Amino acid sequence: MKTITELIKNIPFIKRTINEQKNTIVRNYKAAESNRLVNDFVTGSDNINNAIRNGMAAVRKRARYLWKNNDYVRGVRTKNRTNVVGAEGFKLQMQVKNNQGELDQIANDLIEDKFKQWQKKEFCTTAGVLSFVRVQWLLMDQLIRDGEILFRMHRGRVNDFGFSLELLETDLLDETLNRVLSNGNAIIMGVEYNDHKKPINYYFKKFNIKDESSSSMYYRGSIQHTIIPANQVVLVYDPEHSNQFRGISHLAQVMLSLHQINGYEEAAIIHARAGAQNMGFIETAEGAVEDFVGDDEDDDGTPIDYFSAGEIRELPEGKKFNAYDPTYPNDQFSDFIKSVLRKIATGLELNYNSWIGDLEGVNFSSMRSGLQDERENWKIKQTLFREGVLIPVFENWLKMSLLTGAVDLGVSEFERLNRPHFIGRRWDWVDPSKDVKATVEELDNDLTTLTDALAKKGIDFNEWFETKKKELQKLGELQKLKKDLGIEDKPKPKSKDDDDDDDDDDDDGTNGKTKSKKFNLNYSS
């Protein structure tokens, strides 16, 4: 016998409603639900270009403000400069081969030498004031701060190599210019694209150097544009969508948190300073005469009295001093700051401890683990910089250098000669001795090659080989000279550590030390 509930469920319109509810539950994501708990969860337009177009100018201005005034952001700048570019910039290692498939050392050495010469400030930029290393630093700054790298390549009679760079500010590329052209192309945020999303022209706001002599903007009134073909301009950004046409500051996701924590710390510092100064208020007892004058008055005419350090005064009759003793910042201040900064470090893809310099409670294992992820992120940025900046610059430099004869290897040889490899900065570990031992073991067991092992340290094998060969030659000459002069090498005195090692021989006879079985980086002559 069916219950009343079962009978009701079989009524057609109720049965249909129940089935629809079941289907809805199956079809929808809970994350797509709309209720009072998620009213502030944005579900508007998700077009990336609309978001960038509407927010680019404001985000860029705020990023530049933080870049100038925020101490944490200054640390972000330093971290990216030193880890992505490094003190000496990327190192060029040519890999040109001859018809026999072997490295063409003559061509490689010549191109490397000439490219190194071009990197001097006299040739690198049209202004003649920045070397290529300093250009790389500035471009890295621009990528993090503005979200884009922008420069123009000048070809022709600009110098002996026929090639030079002009650095450009990203706000000159007019993001407010958006229209469809009669030829079917579209200008999107200052860049003209064809149907295949390939850049054709760049539209820059006209800029005169005289504008820098005053407080005027780059433009006044109606904006006029200078159109530059795409083959002369390099625009680099890190896209997060396949249809993204401009970049956004890498500080965008953490910008508000950085601003708020800066204000929070400022307020805490003011409170701490006020507490250290023992400020207070003078209260007049009820019925007492209001005859207190003080040393000064504020804007409202209220008397102010100043006290010097170590001074004790007698207050007028009927006056009472009430000390103002703010207890903030309290014990929770430091933990709260750390919590917020860890969140910001995640958004900036930085290791919190190395960014802030907070090594409290950090051990070797946790530090190494955090640095591994961070360094992989540096390598990703190095790849972006290498593909977006270094390769286009080198290819255009090589073409013009072959045309001008600065690299006298023949214009027809461009394809064969265009084999650059840029080595980025590499890092030592917290305990480098362990990594050296691990590398030697890998070499012993044929798990890596000397070329790869050196490359991990940012060292070019060919340069290392030539340097090592010269060292061995010099050492051989020194040994021969000593022998001719009858000078014998004095035996090295035995240290206490050596005595201790003799007592702790392992079964393998290594005296407790790790020794390479078949590979030794310390060659002797």
Protein backbone atom coordinates (compact mmCIF):
# COMPACT_ATOMS: atom_id res chain seq x y z
CA MET A 1 0.00 0.00 0.00
CA LYS A 2 1.46 3.35 -1.06
CA THR A 3 1.88 6.13 1.45
CA ILE A 4 0.35 9.59 0.94
CA THR A 5 3.85 11.00 0.17
CA GLU A 6 4.40 8.48 -2.61
CA LEU A 7 0.99 9.23 -4.09
CA ILE A 8 1.72 12.96 -4.09
CA LYS A 9 5.09 12.39 -5.79
CA ASN A 10 3.30 10.64 -8.66
CA ILE A 11 1.12 13.65 -9.45
CA PRO A 12 2.35 14.66 -12.98
CA PHE A 13 3.41 18.27 -12.40
CA ILE A 14 5.05 17.44 -9.04
CA LYS A 15 6.85 14.47 -10.55
CA ARG A 16 8.11 16.68 -13.41
CA THR A 17 9.35 19.33 -10.93
CA ILE A 18 11.26 16.75 -8.90
CA ASN A 19 12.95 15.40 -12.04
CA GLU A 20 13.94 18.92 -13.14
CA GLN A 21 15.48 19.58 -9.75
CA LYS A 22 17.49 16.36 -10.00
CA ASN A 23 18.74 17.32 -13.47
CA THR A 24 19.66 20.80 -12.24
CA ILE A 25 21.71 19.35 -9.43
CA VAL A 26 23.54 17.14 -11.90
CA ARG A 27 24.15 19.88 -14.48
CA ASN A 28 25.34 22.82 -12.36
CA TYR A 29 28.51 23.41 -10.37
CA LYS A 30 28.06 24.44 -6.77
CA ALA A 31 30.63 27.16 -7.48
CA ALA A 32 28.09 28.69 -9.93
CA GLU A 33 25.31 28.99 -7.34
CA SER A 34 23.97 32.45 -6.59
CA ASN A 35 22.84 33.20 -3.05
CA ARG A 36 23.34 35.73 -0.29
CA LEU A 37 26.65 34.17 0.71
CA VAL A 38 28.24 34.85 -2.69
CA ASN A 39 26.60 38.17 -3.62
CA ASP A 40 30.02 39.83 -3.63
CA PHE A 41 31.53 37.06 -5.79
CA VAL A 42 31.85 38.65 -9.25
CA THR A 43 30.25 36.78 -12.17
CA GLY A 44 30.36 39.58 -14.74
CA SER A 45 32.21 39.78 -18.06
CA ASP A 46 35.26 37.53 -18.16
CA ASN A 47 36.82 38.93 -21.36
CA ILE A 48 40.47 39.49 -20.52
CA ASN A 49 40.95 42.32 -23.00
CA ASN A 50 38.00 44.29 -21.58
CA ALA A 51 39.44 43.88 -18.10
CA ILE A 52 42.90 45.04 -19.20
CA ARG A 53 41.53 47.88 -21.31
CA ASN A 54 39.46 49.25 -18.43
CA GLY A 55 42.06 48.77 -15.71
CA MET A 56 45.47 49.06 -17.37
CA ALA A 57 46.08 52.78 -16.81
CA ALA A 58 44.98 52.80 -13.15
CA VAL A 59 46.88 49.61 -12.30
CA ARG A 60 50.02 50.90 -14.01
CA LYS A 61 49.90 54.23 -12.12
CA ARG A 62 49.43 52.47 -8.78
CA ALA A 63 52.20 49.99 -9.57
CA ARG A 64 54.56 52.87 -10.35
CA TYR A 65 53.59 54.58 -7.10
CA LEU A 66 54.37 51.43 -5.12
CA TRP A 67 57.58 51.00 -7.11
CA LYS A 68 58.73 54.41 -5.90
CA ASN A 69 57.43 54.36 -2.33
CA ASN A 70 56.89 50.83 -1.00
CA ASP A 71 59.85 49.10 0.66
CA TYR A 72 58.46 45.59 0.05
CA VAL A 73 58.08 46.32 -3.68
CA ARG A 74 61.65 47.57 -3.72
CA GLY A 75 62.60 44.10 -2.55
CA VAL A 76 60.56 42.59 -5.41
CA ARG A 77 62.55 44.70 -7.87
CA THR A 78 65.85 43.57 -6.39
CA LYS A 79 64.84 39.89 -6.36
CA ASN A 80 63.86 39.91 -10.04
CA ARG A 81 66.89 41.89 -11.18
CA THR A 82 69.40 39.72 -9.38
CA ASN A 83 67.80 36.33 -10.09
CA VAL A 84 66.41 36.67 -13.62
CA VAL A 85 69.12 38.86 -15.17
CA GLY A 86 71.93 38.79 -12.64
CA ALA A 87 74.95 41.04 -12.18
CA GLU A 88 76.42 40.28 -15.62
CA GLY A 89 73.28 39.58 -17.63
CA PHE A 90 72.68 36.59 -19.88
CA LYS A 91 75.77 35.05 -21.43
CA LEU A 92 75.90 34.26 -25.14
CA GLN A 93 77.23 30.83 -26.14
CA MET A 94 77.23 30.32 -29.91
CA GLN A 95 76.62 26.84 -31.28
CA VAL A 96 77.43 27.30 -34.96
CA LYS A 97 78.51 24.09 -36.71
CA ASN A 98 80.49 23.52 -39.91
CA ASN A 99 79.61 21.22 -42.80
CA GLN A 100 81.05 18.26 -40.91
CA GLY A 101 78.63 18.80 -38.03
CA GLU A 102 81.36 19.98 -35.66
CA LEU A 103 81.38 23.25 -33.75
CA ASP A 104 82.78 26.06 -35.88
CA GLN A 105 84.98 27.56 -33.18
CA ILE A 106 86.29 30.39 -35.34
CA ALA A 107 82.79 31.61 -36.22
CA ASN A 108 81.54 31.10 -32.67
CA ASP A 109 84.41 33.06 -31.12
CA LEU A 110 84.09 35.88 -33.65
CA ILE A 111 80.32 36.31 -33.16
CA GLU A 112 80.59 36.13 -29.36
CA ASP A 113 83.39 38.70 -29.38
CA LYS A 114 81.52 41.10 -31.69
CA PHE A 115 78.25 40.77 -29.77
CA LYS A 116 80.13 41.51 -26.56
CA GLN A 117 81.57 44.61 -28.21
CA TRP A 118 78.09 45.76 -29.34
CA GLN A 119 76.81 45.48 -25.75
CA LYS A 120 78.82 48.56 -24.77
CA LYS A 121 76.79 51.72 -24.20
CA GLU A 122 78.23 53.43 -27.29
CA PHE A 123 76.47 50.94 -29.57
CA CYS A 124 73.65 49.31 -27.61
CA THR A 125 71.13 52.16 -27.33
CA THR A 126 70.40 55.16 -29.52
CA ALA A 127 71.01 57.43 -26.53
CA GLY A 128 74.44 55.89 -25.96
CA VAL A 129 74.13 55.88 -22.17
CA LEU A 130 73.18 52.29 -21.26
CA SER A 131 75.11 49.07 -21.71
CA PHE A 132 73.17 45.94 -22.63
CA VAL A 133 73.37 44.61 -19.06
CA ARG A 134 71.73 47.79 -17.75
CA VAL A 135 69.15 47.59 -20.54
CA GLN A 136 68.27 44.08 -19.36
CA TRP A 137 67.85 45.34 -15.78
CA LEU A 138 65.51 48.11 -16.92
CA LEU A 139 63.47 45.80 -19.13
CA MET A 140 63.05 43.36 -16.25
CA ASP A 141 61.86 46.26 -14.06
CA GLN A 142 59.39 47.24 -16.77
CA LEU A 143 58.00 43.70 -17.05
CA ILE A 144 57.29 43.37 -13.32
CA ARG A 145 56.08 46.95 -12.76
CA ASP A 146 54.10 47.65 -15.96
CA GLY A 147 53.49 44.05 -17.04
CA GLU A 148 55.11 44.71 -20.42
CA ILE A 149 58.52 45.17 -22.06
CA LEU A 150 58.59 47.70 -24.89
CA PHE A 151 61.42 48.90 -27.13
CA ARG A 152 62.14 49.80 -30.73
CA MET A 153 64.91 48.37 -32.92
CA HIS A 154 66.72 50.87 -35.16
CA ARG A 155 68.51 49.53 -38.21
CA GLY A 156 70.77 51.41 -40.62
CA ARG A 157 73.60 53.87 -40.14
CA VAL A 158 73.18 54.18 -36.39
CA ASN A 159 76.63 52.75 -35.52
CA ASP A 160 79.30 50.39 -36.85
CA PHE A 161 76.97 47.42 -36.40
CA GLY A 162 73.97 49.10 -38.04
CA PHE A 163 71.76 48.23 -35.09
CA SER A 164 70.64 49.92 -31.88
CA LEU A 165 67.79 49.90 -29.34
CA GLU A 166 65.45 52.63 -28.16
CA LEU A 167 63.70 51.94 -24.86
CA LEU A 168 60.07 53.10 -24.70
CA GLU A 169 57.63 53.67 -21.83
CA THR A 170 54.58 51.42 -22.06
CA ASP A 171 52.08 54.25 -21.53
CA LEU A 172 53.18 55.73 -24.89
CA LEU A 173 51.51 52.77 -26.62
CA ASP A 174 47.94 54.12 -26.65
CA GLU A 175 45.68 51.58 -24.91
CA THR A 176 42.69 53.92 -25.44
CA LEU A 177 42.93 53.49 -29.23
CA ASN A 178 40.49 50.74 -30.26
CA ARG A 179 38.81 50.61 -33.68
CA VAL A 180 38.20 48.50 -36.78
CA LEU A 181 40.07 49.68 -39.91
CA SER A 182 38.79 49.72 -43.47
CA ASN A 183 41.33 47.05 -44.48
CA GLY A 184 39.70 44.58 -42.09
CA ASN A 185 42.40 44.83 -39.43
CA ALA A 186 41.58 45.91 -35.88
CA ILE A 187 43.45 48.23 -33.53
CA ILE A 188 43.27 46.79 -30.04
CA MET A 189 44.79 48.89 -27.25
CA GLY A 190 47.18 50.63 -29.63
CA VAL A 191 48.28 47.58 -31.64
CA GLU A 192 46.97 46.80 -35.12
CA TYR A 193 46.28 43.08 -35.66
CA ASN A 194 45.18 41.09 -38.70
CA ASP A 195 42.70 38.19 -38.70
CA HIS A 196 45.44 35.83 -37.51
CA LYS A 197 46.12 38.00 -34.43
CA LYS A 198 49.49 38.96 -35.87
CA PRO A 199 50.75 42.48 -35.00
CA ILE A 200 51.01 44.74 -38.07
CA ASN A 201 51.59 48.25 -36.67
CA TYR A 202 52.02 49.93 -33.30
CA TYR A 203 50.31 53.26 -32.56
CA PHE A 204 52.33 55.45 -30.19
CA LYS A 205 51.29 58.79 -28.74
CA LYS A 206 53.44 61.47 -30.32
CA PHE A 207 56.12 62.47 -27.88
CA ASN A 208 58.58 65.35 -27.98
CA ILE A 209 61.70 65.39 -25.83
CA LYS A 210 60.85 69.00 -24.93
CA ASP A 211 57.92 67.69 -22.89
CA GLU A 212 60.43 66.28 -20.40
CA SER A 213 61.67 69.79 -19.64
CA SER A 214 58.38 70.73 -17.99
CA SER A 215 55.64 69.14 -15.90
CA SER A 216 53.46 68.65 -18.99
CA MET A 217 52.18 65.23 -20.00
CA TYR A 218 53.33 63.37 -23.07
CA TYR A 219 50.35 64.78 -24.92
CA ARG A 220 47.80 67.56 -24.69
CA GLY A 221 44.32 67.86 -26.15
CA SER A 222 43.58 65.42 -28.95
CA ILE A 223 46.09 62.60 -29.18
CA GLN A 224 48.20 62.30 -32.31
CA HIS A 225 49.91 59.04 -33.16
CA THR A 226 53.16 57.84 -34.65
CA ILE A 227 52.67 54.55 -36.50
CA ILE A 228 55.64 52.16 -36.35
CA PRO A 229 55.72 48.83 -38.27
CA ALA A 230 55.66 45.70 -36.12
CA ASN A 231 59.05 44.49 -37.38
CA GLN A 232 60.67 47.45 -35.60
CA VAL A 233 58.93 47.03 -32.23
CA VAL A 234 59.27 44.39 -29.52
CA LEU A 235 56.35 44.07 -27.08
CA VAL A 236 56.74 41.31 -24.48
CA TYR A 237 54.27 40.27 -21.80
CA ASP A 238 53.30 37.07 -20.02
CA PRO A 239 49.82 36.15 -21.37
CA GLU A 240 47.34 34.26 -19.22
CA HIS A 241 44.78 33.88 -22.03
CA SER A 242 45.23 32.85 -25.65
CA ASN A 243 43.40 35.96 -26.89
CA GLN A 244 45.21 38.44 -24.63
CA PHE A 245 46.67 41.43 -26.52
CA ARG A 246 48.36 43.51 -23.78
CA GLY A 247 50.00 42.83 -20.44
CA ILE A 248 49.11 43.90 -16.90
CA SER A 249 51.38 44.67 -13.95
CA HIS A 250 52.68 41.62 -12.08
CA LEU A 251 51.80 43.52 -8.91
CA ALA A 252 48.08 43.67 -9.79
CA GLN A 253 46.98 40.70 -7.66
CA VAL A 254 48.76 41.91 -4.51
CA MET A 255 48.54 45.66 -5.00
CA LEU A 256 45.67 46.29 -2.58
CA SER A 257 47.22 44.08 0.10
CA LEU A 258 50.54 45.91 -0.26
CA HIS A 259 48.78 49.27 0.06
CA GLN A 260 46.75 48.20 3.10
CA ILE A 261 49.64 46.61 4.97
CA ASN A 262 51.73 49.72 4.36
CA GLY A 263 48.99 51.84 5.97
CA TYR A 264 48.62 49.33 8.80
CA GLU A 265 52.35 49.42 9.57
CA GLU A 266 52.41 53.22 9.34
CA ALA A 267 49.57 53.48 11.87
CA ALA A 268 51.35 51.03 14.20
CA ILE A 269 54.57 53.03 13.99
CA ILE A 270 52.74 56.27 14.82
CA HIS A 271 51.09 54.59 17.80
CA ALA A 272 54.45 53.24 18.99
CA ARG A 273 56.06 56.66 18.61
CA ALA A 274 53.22 58.32 20.50
CA GLY A 275 53.57 55.77 23.30
CA ALA A 276 57.32 56.34 23.51
CA GLN A 277 56.79 60.09 23.90
CA ASN A 278 54.44 59.76 26.94
CA MET A 279 51.81 62.10 25.59
CA GLY A 280 48.78 63.00 27.69
CA PHE A 281 45.96 65.41 28.42
CA ILE A 282 45.58 68.04 31.14
CA GLU A 283 42.15 67.86 32.73
CA THR A 284 40.56 70.75 34.63
CA ALA A 285 38.67 69.79 37.77
CA GLU A 286 35.02 70.77 38.03
CA GLY A 287 34.69 74.30 39.39
CA ALA A 288 38.37 75.16 38.88
CA VAL A 289 39.40 78.37 37.14
CA GLU A 290 40.19 77.99 33.41
CA ASP A 291 43.45 79.93 33.53
CA PHE A 292 45.81 77.40 31.90
CA VAL A 293 47.77 79.04 29.05
CA GLY A 294 50.37 76.47 27.93
CA ASP A 295 53.31 76.92 25.56
CA ASP A 296 51.29 77.05 22.34
CA GLU A 297 47.83 76.58 20.82
CA ASP A 298 46.48 74.24 18.14
CA ASP A 299 44.28 75.36 15.25
CA ASP A 300 41.19 75.31 17.47
CA GLY A 301 42.78 77.50 20.15
CA THR A 302 43.29 74.66 22.63
CA PRO A 303 46.40 75.23 24.80
CA ILE A 304 49.37 72.87 24.27
CA ASP A 305 52.14 72.40 26.81
CA TYR A 306 55.51 70.90 25.84
CA PHE A 307 57.58 68.72 28.20
CA SER A 308 61.29 68.03 27.83
CA ALA A 309 62.86 64.65 28.53
CA GLY A 310 63.38 64.06 32.27
CA GLU A 311 61.42 67.19 33.22
CA ILE A 312 58.89 67.27 36.10
CA ARG A 313 56.49 70.18 36.42
CA GLU A 314 54.00 71.31 39.02
CA LEU A 315 50.59 71.77 37.42
CA PRO A 316 48.38 74.73 38.31
CA GLU A 317 45.77 74.21 41.02
CA GLY A 318 42.77 72.24 39.78
CA LYS A 319 44.72 70.63 36.92
CA LYS A 320 45.26 66.88 36.50
CA PHE A 321 47.51 65.07 34.00
CA ASN A 322 46.01 62.01 32.28
CA ALA A 323 48.68 60.02 30.43
CA TYR A 324 47.92 58.69 26.96
CA ASP A 325 49.61 55.30 26.73
CA PRO A 326 48.66 53.39 23.55
CA THR A 327 49.30 49.67 23.93
CA TYR A 328 49.51 49.09 20.18
CA PRO A 329 51.37 47.44 18.48
CA ASN A 330 50.73 44.41 20.67
CA ASP A 331 52.13 40.88 20.72
CA GLN A 332 49.97 39.79 17.77
CA PHE A 333 51.36 42.49 15.46
CA SER A 334 54.36 40.50 14.22
CA ASP A 335 52.40 37.30 13.56
CA PHE A 336 49.70 39.20 11.67
CA ILE A 337 52.27 40.99 9.50
CA LYS A 338 53.97 37.68 8.69
CA SER A 339 50.65 36.08 7.75
CA VAL A 340 49.78 38.86 5.32
CA LEU A 341 53.28 38.97 3.82
CA ARG A 342 53.23 35.20 3.22
CA LYS A 343 50.01 35.64 1.28
CA ILE A 344 51.57 38.47 -0.75
CA ALA A 345 54.72 36.40 -1.37
CA THR A 346 52.53 33.64 -2.84
CA GLY A 347 50.91 36.14 -5.20
CA LEU A 348 54.34 37.44 -6.25
CA GLU A 349 55.67 33.88 -6.70
CA LEU A 350 58.46 34.59 -4.20
CA ASN A 351 59.85 32.64 -1.30
CA TYR A 352 58.72 34.54 1.78
CA ASN A 353 61.84 33.90 3.85
CA SER A 354 64.34 35.00 1.19
CA TRP A 355 62.21 37.99 0.09
CA ILE A 356 61.64 39.45 3.56
CA GLY A 357 64.87 38.14 5.07
CA ASP A 358 62.95 36.41 7.86
CA LEU A 359 64.98 33.31 8.77
CA GLU A 360 63.40 32.79 12.19
CA GLY A 361 62.57 29.12 12.70
CA VAL A 362 63.88 28.14 9.25
CA ASN A 363 65.91 24.94 8.93
CA PHE A 364 68.02 23.65 6.04
CA SER A 365 65.35 21.35 4.57
CA SER A 366 62.53 23.91 4.56
CA MET A 367 64.78 26.63 3.15
CA ARG A 368 65.97 24.34 0.36
CA SER A 369 62.42 23.26 -0.49
CA GLY A 370 61.20 26.84 -0.71
CA LEU A 371 64.15 27.93 -2.82
CA GLN A 372 63.66 25.08 -5.30
CA ASP A 373 60.19 26.27 -6.28
CA GLU A 374 61.30 29.89 -6.39
CA ARG A 375 64.27 29.13 -8.62
CA GLU A 376 62.11 27.17 -11.04
CA ASN A 377 60.00 30.33 -11.30
CA TRP A 378 63.16 32.36 -12.03
CA LYS A 379 63.96 29.92 -14.84
CA ILE A 380 60.46 30.41 -16.29
CA LYS A 381 60.99 34.17 -16.31
CA GLN A 382 64.41 33.67 -17.86
CA THR A 383 62.78 31.69 -20.68
CA LEU A 384 60.25 34.48 -21.24
CA PHE A 385 63.04 37.05 -21.30
CA ARG A 386 65.25 34.91 -23.54
CA GLU A 387 62.53 34.24 -26.13
CA GLY A 388 60.92 37.67 -25.97
CA VAL A 389 63.98 39.93 -25.79
CA LEU A 390 67.34 38.25 -26.34
CA ILE A 391 66.56 36.13 -29.40
CA PRO A 392 64.88 38.95 -31.42
CA VAL A 393 67.67 41.36 -30.49
CA PHE A 394 70.42 38.90 -31.45
CA GLU A 395 68.82 37.89 -34.74
CA ASN A 396 68.36 41.49 -35.87
CA TRP A 397 71.84 42.43 -34.65
CA LEU A 398 73.38 39.51 -36.57
CA LYS A 399 71.56 40.39 -39.80
CA MET A 400 72.71 44.01 -39.66
CA SER A 401 76.24 43.08 -38.55
CA LEU A 402 76.58 40.75 -41.54
CA LEU A 403 75.23 43.45 -43.86
CA THR A 404 77.57 46.13 -42.53
CA GLY A 405 80.55 43.77 -42.43
CA ALA A 406 81.03 44.20 -38.68
CA VAL A 407 80.82 40.40 -38.60
CA ASP A 408 82.68 39.46 -41.76
CA LEU A 409 81.27 35.97 -42.36
CA GLY A 410 78.98 36.60 -45.34
CA VAL A 411 75.30 37.62 -45.46
CA SER A 412 74.33 34.35 -47.13
CA GLU A 413 75.54 32.49 -44.04
CA PHE A 414 72.88 33.97 -41.73
CA GLU A 415 70.82 30.80 -41.29
CA ARG A 416 73.89 28.73 -40.43
CA LEU A 417 75.26 31.38 -38.09
CA ASN A 418 71.99 32.05 -36.29
CA ARG A 419 72.58 29.52 -33.52
CA PRO A 420 72.65 31.48 -30.25
CA HIS A 421 72.26 30.01 -26.80
CA PHE A 422 71.85 32.42 -23.89
CA ILE A 423 72.83 31.11 -20.48
CA GLY A 424 71.00 32.64 -17.53
CA ARG A 425 72.19 33.16 -14.00
CA ARG A 426 72.43 30.04 -11.82
CA TRP A 427 72.59 29.68 -8.03
CA ASP A 428 74.58 27.92 -5.35
CA TRP A 429 72.63 25.98 -2.75
CA VAL A 430 72.44 26.57 0.97
CA ASP A 431 75.05 23.82 1.43
CA PRO A 432 77.06 23.85 -1.83
CA SER A 433 79.46 21.11 -0.72
CA LYS A 434 76.65 18.53 -0.80
CA ASP A 435 75.67 19.59 -4.31
CA VAL A 436 79.27 19.35 -5.52
CA LYS A 437 79.48 15.80 -4.18
CA ALA A 438 76.15 14.93 -5.83
CA THR A 439 77.35 16.33 -9.17
CA VAL A 440 80.57 14.32 -9.00
CA GLU A 441 78.58 11.16 -8.29
CA GLU A 442 76.32 11.88 -11.27
CA LEU A 443 79.39 12.29 -13.48
CA ASP A 444 80.91 9.07 -12.10
CA ASN A 445 77.76 7.13 -12.95
CA ASP A 446 77.30 8.75 -16.37
CA LEU A 447 74.01 10.35 -15.29
CA THR A 448 75.08 13.75 -16.64
CA THR A 449 77.79 15.34 -18.75
CA LEU A 450 80.40 17.91 -17.84
CA THR A 451 78.75 20.32 -20.29
CA ASP A 452 75.40 20.02 -18.52
CA ALA A 453 76.98 20.18 -15.06
CA LEU A 454 78.80 23.39 -15.94
CA ALA A 455 75.71 24.84 -17.62
CA LYS A 456 73.77 24.43 -14.36
CA LYS A 457 76.29 26.82 -12.83
CA GLY A 458 76.03 29.21 -15.78
CA ILE A 459 79.44 28.26 -17.18
CA ASP A 460 80.14 27.77 -20.90
CA PHE A 461 81.98 24.47 -21.43
CA ASN A 462 84.12 25.79 -24.30
CA GLU A 463 85.26 28.80 -22.28
CA TRP A 464 85.92 26.58 -19.27
CA PHE A 465 87.96 24.21 -21.42
CA GLU A 466 90.09 26.99 -22.93
CA THR A 467 90.65 28.55 -19.50
CA LYS A 468 91.55 25.19 -17.97
CA LYS A 469 93.96 24.45 -20.83
CA LYS A 470 95.72 27.77 -20.30
CA GLU A 471 95.92 27.13 -16.57
CA LEU A 472 97.48 23.71 -17.10
CA GLN A 473 99.97 25.18 -19.55
CA LYS A 474 100.95 27.87 -17.06
CA LEU A 475 101.20 25.34 -14.23
CA GLY A 476 103.39 23.13 -16.45
CA GLU A 477 105.64 26.10 -17.15
CA LEU A 478 105.80 26.84 -13.42
CA GLN A 479 106.74 23.25 -12.57
CA LYS A 480 109.45 23.29 -15.26
CA LEU A 481 110.80 26.57 -13.93
CA LYS A 482 110.90 25.19 -10.38
CA LYS A 483 112.73 22.10 -11.60
CA ASP A 484 115.29 24.18 -13.53
CA LEU A 485 115.90 26.30 -10.43
CA GLY A 486 116.07 23.26 -8.17
CA ILE A 487 113.08 24.30 -6.12
CA GLU A 488 111.09 21.49 -4.60
CA ASP A 489 107.53 21.76 -3.42
CA LYS A 490 107.37 21.62 0.37
CA PRO A 491 105.18 18.81 1.71
CA LYS A 492 101.91 20.06 3.07
CA PRO A 493 101.87 19.93 6.88
CA LYS A 494 99.49 17.41 8.36
CA SER A 495 96.58 19.06 10.14
CA LYS A 496 94.76 17.90 13.23
CA ASP A 497 91.73 17.12 11.07
CA ASP A 498 93.86 14.76 8.99
CA ASP A 499 94.93 12.95 12.15
CA ASP A 500 91.31 12.57 13.17
CA ASP A 501 90.41 11.28 9.72
CA ASP A 502 93.13 8.61 9.95
CA ASP A 503 91.39 7.22 13.00
CA ASP A 504 88.03 7.02 11.26
CA ASP A 505 88.88 5.04 8.15
CA ASP A 506 85.84 3.67 6.36
CA ASP A 507 85.81 0.25 4.73
CA ASP A 508 86.37 1.86 1.33
CA GLY A 509 89.53 3.59 2.51
CA THR A 510 88.21 7.08 1.94
CA ASN A 511 88.91 8.27 5.50
CA GLY A 512 85.26 9.21 5.86
CA LYS A 513 85.43 11.53 2.84
CA THR A 514 83.55 11.26 -0.44
CA LYS A 515 85.95 10.80 -3.35
CA SER A 516 85.23 10.57 -7.04
CA LYS A 517 86.02 7.13 -8.44
CA LYS A 518 86.74 8.15 -12.02
CA PHE A 519 86.03 11.87 -12.35
CA ASN A 520 88.06 14.65 -10.81
CA LEU A 521 87.49 18.31 -11.58
CA ASN A 522 90.85 19.18 -9.99
CA TYR A 523 93.11 18.18 -12.85
CA SER A 524 96.83 18.33 -12.28
CA SER A 525 99.52 18.97 -14.80
